[in-house]
C-alpha atoms as a PDB file:
ATOM      1  CA  MET A   1       6.250  37.319   0.734  1.00  0.00           C
ATOM      2  CA  ARG A   2       5.531  33.676   1.222  1.00  0.00           C
ATOM      3  CA  ALA A   3       2.547  34.448   3.581  1.00  0.00           C
ATOM      4  CA  THR A   4       1.256  36.714   0.842  1.00  0.00           C
ATOM      5  CA  VAL A   5       1.575  34.010  -1.915  1.00  0.00           C
ATOM      6  CA  ARG A   6      -0.071  31.472   0.280  1.00  0.00           C
ATOM      7  CA  HIS A   7      -2.890  33.865   1.266  1.00  0.00           C
ATOM      8  CA  GLU A   8      -3.589  34.610  -2.514  1.00  0.00           C
ATOM      9  CA  MET A   9      -3.487  30.953  -3.275  1.00  0.00           C
ATOM     10  CA  THR A  10      -6.043  30.186  -0.491  1.00  0.00           C
ATOM     11  CA  GLU A  11      -8.326  32.765  -2.027  1.00  0.00           C
ATOM     12  CA  ALA A  12      -7.833  31.697  -5.730  1.00  0.00           C
ATOM     13  CA  VAL A  13      -8.511  28.036  -4.976  1.00  0.00           C
ATOM     14  CA  VAL A  14     -11.916  28.833  -3.575  1.00  0.00           C
ATOM     15  CA  ALA A  15     -12.656  31.404  -6.235  1.00  0.00           C
ATOM     16  CA  TYR A  16     -11.793  29.187  -9.166  1.00  0.00           C
ATOM     17  CA  GLU A  17     -15.357  27.834  -9.660  1.00  0.00           C
ATOM     18  CA  GLU A  18     -17.091  31.226  -9.011  1.00  0.00           C
ATOM     19  CA  LYS A  19     -16.431  32.619 -12.447  1.00  0.00           C
ATOM     20  CA  PRO A  20     -15.181  31.500 -15.929  1.00  0.00           C
ATOM     21  CA  ARG A  21     -11.501  30.520 -15.912  1.00  0.00           C
ATOM     22  CA  GLU A  22     -10.685  33.174 -18.559  1.00  0.00           C
ATOM     23  CA  GLN A  23     -11.842  35.835 -16.187  1.00  0.00           C
ATOM     24  CA  TRP A  24     -10.591  34.293 -12.999  1.00  0.00           C
ATOM     25  CA  LEU A  25      -6.961  34.088 -14.097  1.00  0.00           C
ATOM     26  CA  PHE A  26      -6.758  37.844 -14.186  1.00  0.00           C
ATOM     27  CA  ASP A  27      -7.800  38.225 -10.655  1.00  0.00           C
ATOM     28  CA  TYR A  28      -4.533  36.755  -9.317  1.00  0.00           C
ATOM     29  CA  PRO A  29      -0.871  36.961  -9.847  1.00  0.00           C
ATOM     30  CA  ALA A  30       0.681  34.736 -12.428  1.00  0.00           C
ATOM     31  CA  GLN A  31       2.211  32.296  -9.977  1.00  0.00           C
ATOM     32  CA  VAL A  32      -1.002  31.865  -8.045  1.00  0.00           C
ATOM     33  CA  ALA A  33      -3.079  31.393 -11.241  1.00  0.00           C
ATOM     34  CA  LEU A  34      -0.575  28.810 -12.581  1.00  0.00           C
ATOM     35  CA  THR A  35      -0.456  26.804  -9.415  1.00  0.00           C
ATOM     36  CA  CYS A  36      -4.163  26.883  -8.887  1.00  0.00           C
ATOM     37  CA  THR A  37      -4.705  25.892 -12.575  1.00  0.00           C
ATOM     38  CA  GLN A  38      -2.444  22.822 -11.818  1.00  0.00           C
ATOM     39  CA  ILE A  39      -4.423  22.008  -8.582  1.00  0.00           C
ATOM     40  CA  TRP A  40      -7.668  22.043 -10.424  1.00  0.00           C
ATOM     41  CA  TRP A  41      -6.204  19.946 -13.272  1.00  0.00           C
ATOM     42  CA  THR A  42      -5.487  17.182 -10.765  1.00  0.00           C
ATOM     43  CA  THR A  43      -9.177  17.176  -9.738  1.00  0.00           C
ATOM     44  CA  GLU A  44     -10.929  17.705 -13.017  1.00  0.00           C
ATOM     45  CA  TRP A  45      -9.040  15.717 -15.679  1.00  0.00           C
ATOM     46  CA  TYR A  46     -11.739  15.842 -18.449  1.00  0.00           C
ATOM     47  CA  TYR A  47     -10.272  15.845 -21.911  1.00  0.00           C
ATOM     48  CA  LYS A  48     -12.994  17.823 -23.647  1.00  0.00           C
ATOM     49  CA  LYS A  49     -13.124  20.512 -20.935  1.00  0.00           C
ATOM     50  CA  GLN A  50      -9.313  20.862 -21.087  1.00  0.00           C
ATOM     51  CA  VAL A  51      -9.437  21.315 -24.996  1.00  0.00           C
ATOM     52  CA  ASN A  52     -12.164  23.963 -24.563  1.00  0.00           C
ATOM     53  CA  GLN A  53     -10.200  25.820 -21.889  1.00  0.00           C
ATOM     54  CA  LEU A  54      -7.190  25.724 -24.087  1.00  0.00           C
ATOM     55  CA  ASN A  55      -8.950  27.035 -27.052  1.00  0.00           C
ATOM     56  CA  THR A  56     -10.375  29.960 -24.988  1.00  0.00           C
ATOM     57  CA  LEU A  57      -6.840  30.783 -23.764  1.00  0.00           C
ATOM     58  CA  ILE A  58      -5.574  30.621 -27.485  1.00  0.00           C
ATOM     59  CA  THR A  59      -8.377  32.978 -28.442  1.00  0.00           C
ATOM     60  CA  MET A  60      -7.477  35.379 -25.723  1.00  0.00           C
ATOM     61  CA  LEU A  61      -3.806  35.431 -26.898  1.00  0.00           C
ATOM     62  CA  ILE A  62      -4.908  36.667 -30.421  1.00  0.00           C
ATOM     63  CA  GLY A  63      -6.635  39.651 -28.683  1.00  0.00           C
ATOM     64  CA  GLN A  64      -5.341  42.528 -26.758  1.00  0.00           C
ATOM     65  CA  LEU A  65      -3.508  41.760 -23.535  1.00  0.00           C
ATOM     66  CA  SER A  66      -0.955  43.672 -21.455  1.00  0.00           C
ATOM     67  CA  PRO A  67       2.444  42.103 -21.660  1.00  0.00           C
ATOM     68  CA  GLY A  68       2.185  40.616 -18.148  1.00  0.00           C
ATOM     69  CA  ASP A  69      -1.209  39.077 -18.802  1.00  0.00           C
ATOM     70  CA  ARG A  70       0.009  37.776 -22.220  1.00  0.00           C
ATOM     71  CA  GLN A  71       2.929  35.997 -20.422  1.00  0.00           C
ATOM     72  CA  LYS A  72       0.615  34.555 -17.825  1.00  0.00           C
ATOM     73  CA  VAL A  73      -1.728  33.315 -20.420  1.00  0.00           C
ATOM     74  CA  MET A  74       1.191  31.776 -22.521  1.00  0.00           C
ATOM     75  CA  THR A  75       2.508  30.133 -19.449  1.00  0.00           C
ATOM     76  CA  ILE A  76      -0.783  28.546 -18.547  1.00  0.00           C
ATOM     77  CA  CYS A  77      -1.206  27.363 -22.225  1.00  0.00           C
ATOM     78  CA  THR A  78       2.180  25.588 -21.926  1.00  0.00           C
ATOM     79  CA  ILE A  79       1.059  23.721 -18.839  1.00  0.00           C
ATOM     80  CA  ASP A  80      -2.442  23.067 -20.223  1.00  0.00           C
ATOM     81  CA  VAL A  81      -1.002  21.535 -23.465  1.00  0.00           C
ATOM     82  CA  HIS A  82       1.005  19.150 -21.348  1.00  0.00           C
ATOM     83  CA  ALA A  83      -2.168  18.377 -19.189  1.00  0.00           C
ATOM     84  CA  ARG A  84      -4.111  17.767 -22.322  1.00  0.00           C
ATOM     85  CA  ASP A  85      -1.495  15.424 -23.634  1.00  0.00           C
ATOM     86  CA  VAL A  86      -1.320  13.535 -20.323  1.00  0.00           C
ATOM     87  CA  VAL A  87      -5.109  13.176 -20.233  1.00  0.00           C
ATOM     88  CA  ALA A  88      -5.186  11.878 -23.902  1.00  0.00           C
ATOM     89  CA  LYS A  89      -2.582   9.353 -23.146  1.00  0.00           C
ATOM     90  CA  ILE A  90      -4.467   8.135 -20.064  1.00  0.00           C
ATOM     91  CA  ILE A  91      -7.568   7.758 -22.259  1.00  0.00           C
ATOM     92  CA  ALA A  92      -5.702   5.979 -24.977  1.00  0.00           C
ATOM     93  CA  GLN A  93      -4.192   3.513 -22.568  1.00  0.00           C
ATOM     94  CA  LYS A  94      -7.662   2.934 -20.951  1.00  0.00           C
ATOM     95  CA  VAL A  95      -6.410   3.812 -17.538  1.00  0.00           C
ATOM     96  CA  ASP A  96      -9.448   3.357 -15.237  1.00  0.00           C
ATOM     97  CA  ASN A  97      -8.156   4.056 -11.656  1.00  0.00           C
ATOM     98  CA  SER A  98      -6.135   6.762  -9.775  1.00  0.00           C
ATOM     99  CA  GLN A  99      -3.475   4.140  -8.762  1.00  0.00           C
ATOM    100  CA  ALA A 100      -2.248   3.594 -12.173  1.00  0.00           C
ATOM    101  CA  PHE A 101       1.553   4.552 -12.629  1.00  0.00           C
ATOM    102  CA  LEU A 102       0.796   6.696 -15.632  1.00  0.00           C
ATOM    103  CA  TRP A 103      -1.382   8.952 -13.468  1.00  0.00           C
ATOM    104  CA  LEU A 104       0.864   8.667 -10.278  1.00  0.00           C
ATOM    105  CA  SER A 105       4.002   9.537 -12.148  1.00  0.00           C
ATOM    106  CA  GLN A 106       2.603  12.994 -12.930  1.00  0.00           C
ATOM    107  CA  LEU A 107       3.558  15.979 -10.904  1.00  0.00           C
ATOM    108  CA  ARG A 108       0.155  16.734  -9.359  1.00  0.00           C
ATOM    109  CA  HIS A 109      -0.672  19.872  -7.270  1.00  0.00           C
ATOM    110  CA  ARG A 110      -3.450  19.600  -4.685  1.00  0.00           C
ATOM    111  CA  TRP A 111      -5.001  21.829  -2.188  1.00  0.00           C
ATOM    112  CA  ASP A 112      -5.514  20.614   1.336  1.00  0.00           C
ATOM    113  CA  ASP A 113      -8.470  22.390   2.814  1.00  0.00           C
ATOM    114  CA  ASP A 114      -7.936  21.420   6.394  1.00  0.00           C
ATOM    115  CA  ARG A 115      -4.386  22.766   6.421  1.00  0.00           C
ATOM    116  CA  LYS A 116      -4.870  25.527   3.886  1.00  0.00           C
ATOM    117  CA  HIS A 117      -1.670  24.462   2.026  1.00  0.00           C
ATOM    118  CA  CYS A 118      -0.727  23.398  -1.468  1.00  0.00           C
ATOM    119  CA  PHE A 119       1.159  20.021  -1.921  1.00  0.00           C
ATOM    120  CA  ALA A 120       3.010  18.643  -4.905  1.00  0.00           C
ATOM    121  CA  ASN A 121       2.675  14.891  -5.343  1.00  0.00           C
ATOM    122  CA  ILE A 122       4.403  12.534  -7.499  1.00  0.00           C
ATOM    123  CA  CYS A 123       4.390   8.791  -7.141  1.00  0.00           C
ATOM    124  CA  ASP A 124       4.375   8.285  -3.364  1.00  0.00           C
ATOM    125  CA  ALA A 125       6.369  11.406  -2.635  1.00  0.00           C
ATOM    126  CA  GLN A 126       4.641  14.578  -1.340  1.00  0.00           C
ATOM    127  CA  PHE A 127       6.247  17.907  -1.142  1.00  0.00           C
ATOM    128  CA  LEU A 128       4.822  21.045   0.619  1.00  0.00           C
ATOM    129  CA  TYR A 129       4.602  23.939  -1.802  1.00  0.00           C
ATOM    130  CA  SER A 130       7.095  26.542  -0.533  1.00  0.00           C
ATOM    131  CA  TYR A 131       5.236  29.650  -1.814  1.00  0.00           C
ATOM    132  CA  GLU A 132       8.497  31.224  -2.742  1.00  0.00           C
ATOM    133  CA  TYR A 133       7.884  34.105  -5.161  1.00  0.00           C
ATOM    134  CA  LEU A 134       8.678  33.012  -8.796  1.00  0.00           C
ATOM    135  CA  GLY A 135       7.473  36.055 -10.735  1.00  0.00           C
ATOM    136  CA  ASN A 136       5.682  35.872 -14.160  1.00  0.00           C
ATOM    137  CA  THR A 137       8.281  33.991 -16.262  1.00  0.00           C
ATOM    138  CA  PRO A 138       7.955  31.795 -19.467  1.00  0.00           C
ATOM    139  CA  ARG A 139       7.921  27.907 -19.128  1.00  0.00           C
ATOM    140  CA  LEU A 140       9.774  25.499 -21.266  1.00  0.00           C
ATOM    141  CA  VAL A 141       7.788  23.065 -23.209  1.00  0.00           C
ATOM    142  CA  ILE A 142       7.251  19.872 -21.193  1.00  0.00           C
ATOM    143  CA  THR A 143       8.385  16.820 -23.100  1.00  0.00           C
ATOM    144  CA  PRO A 144       8.654  13.131 -22.082  1.00  0.00           C
ATOM    145  CA  LEU A 145      12.326  13.662 -21.441  1.00  0.00           C
ATOM    146  CA  THR A 146      11.612  16.564 -19.124  1.00  0.00           C
ATOM    147  CA  ASP A 147       8.855  14.425 -17.381  1.00  0.00           C
ATOM    148  CA  SER A 148      11.338  11.607 -16.892  1.00  0.00           C
ATOM    149  CA  ILE A 149      13.880  13.945 -15.374  1.00  0.00           C
ATOM    150  CA  LYS A 150      11.407  15.535 -13.077  1.00  0.00           C
ATOM    151  CA  LEU A 151      10.211  12.063 -11.947  1.00  0.00           C
ATOM    152  CA  ILE A 152      13.776  10.898 -11.167  1.00  0.00           C
ATOM    153  CA  TYR A 153      14.779  14.095  -9.376  1.00  0.00           C
ATOM    154  CA  CYS A 154      11.597  14.322  -7.232  1.00  0.00           C
ATOM    155  CA  LEU A 155      11.894  10.595  -6.284  1.00  0.00           C
ATOM    156  CA  ASN A 156      15.554  11.080  -5.422  1.00  0.00           C
ATOM    157  CA  GLN A 157      14.522  13.987  -3.068  1.00  0.00           C
ATOM    158  CA  HIS A 158      12.020  11.660  -1.434  1.00  0.00           C
ATOM    159  CA  THR A 159      14.054   8.472  -1.342  1.00  0.00           C
ATOM    160  CA  PRO A 160      17.705   9.182  -2.223  1.00  0.00           C
ATOM    161  CA  TRP A 161      18.581   5.838  -3.919  1.00  0.00           C
ATOM    162  CA  ILE A 162      19.210   7.269  -7.338  1.00  0.00           C
ATOM    163  CA  PRO A 163      22.864   8.698  -6.907  1.00  0.00           C
ATOM    164  CA  TRP A 164      23.293  10.110 -10.419  1.00  0.00           C
ATOM    165  CA  ALA A 165      20.039  12.254 -10.198  1.00  0.00           C
ATOM    166  CA  ASP A 166      21.768  14.897  -8.129  1.00  0.00           C
ATOM    167  CA  TRP A 167      23.859  16.097 -11.129  1.00  0.00           C
ATOM    168  CA  CYS A 168      21.050  16.370 -13.611  1.00  0.00           C
ATOM    169  CA  GLY A 169      20.672  20.113 -12.597  1.00  0.00           C
ATOM    170  CA  CYS A 170      16.852  20.217 -12.822  1.00  0.00           C
ATOM    171  CA  VAL A 171      15.855  21.482  -9.400  1.00  0.00           C
ATOM    172  CA  TRP A 172      13.412  23.917 -11.028  1.00  0.00           C
ATOM    173  CA  LEU A 173      11.268  21.072 -12.450  1.00  0.00           C
ATOM    174  CA  CYS A 174      10.033  19.893  -9.030  1.00  0.00           C
END
């Protein structure tokens, strides 16, 4: 199963720019589409483009979609709203380089072309994406609190110096 998810992700990362996103997302399973959307967000953090993409997805939700496709689009919308808010905050605070803590403290997915693997980065921690099948499930709204918990948990996994982070029960965030 993991090999299949990884194979699909390899194809989806390459195909992302070949057609409009609102068509591309129906070519791949929900988990692959969601992760690749997050990979491309890391590379193309342009506010106006994000707002346009989000508006397109919202328009799609108003139309006719199968239950599985509707769930996939709603989940990507949830992630896109958070991404839009992060970029708006980066713009408002006039962040002008990729080493700023506001950017580094975000969970960023990236694709390594040489290794053909997805990685999740946060601050100086890097985690290999495990490709474990997650299905097509809804996502919780991402808030500053869930962002903080995710940051603490992920950093604790990378450098275990925050003893109380183990009990926070938020493994699913990282």
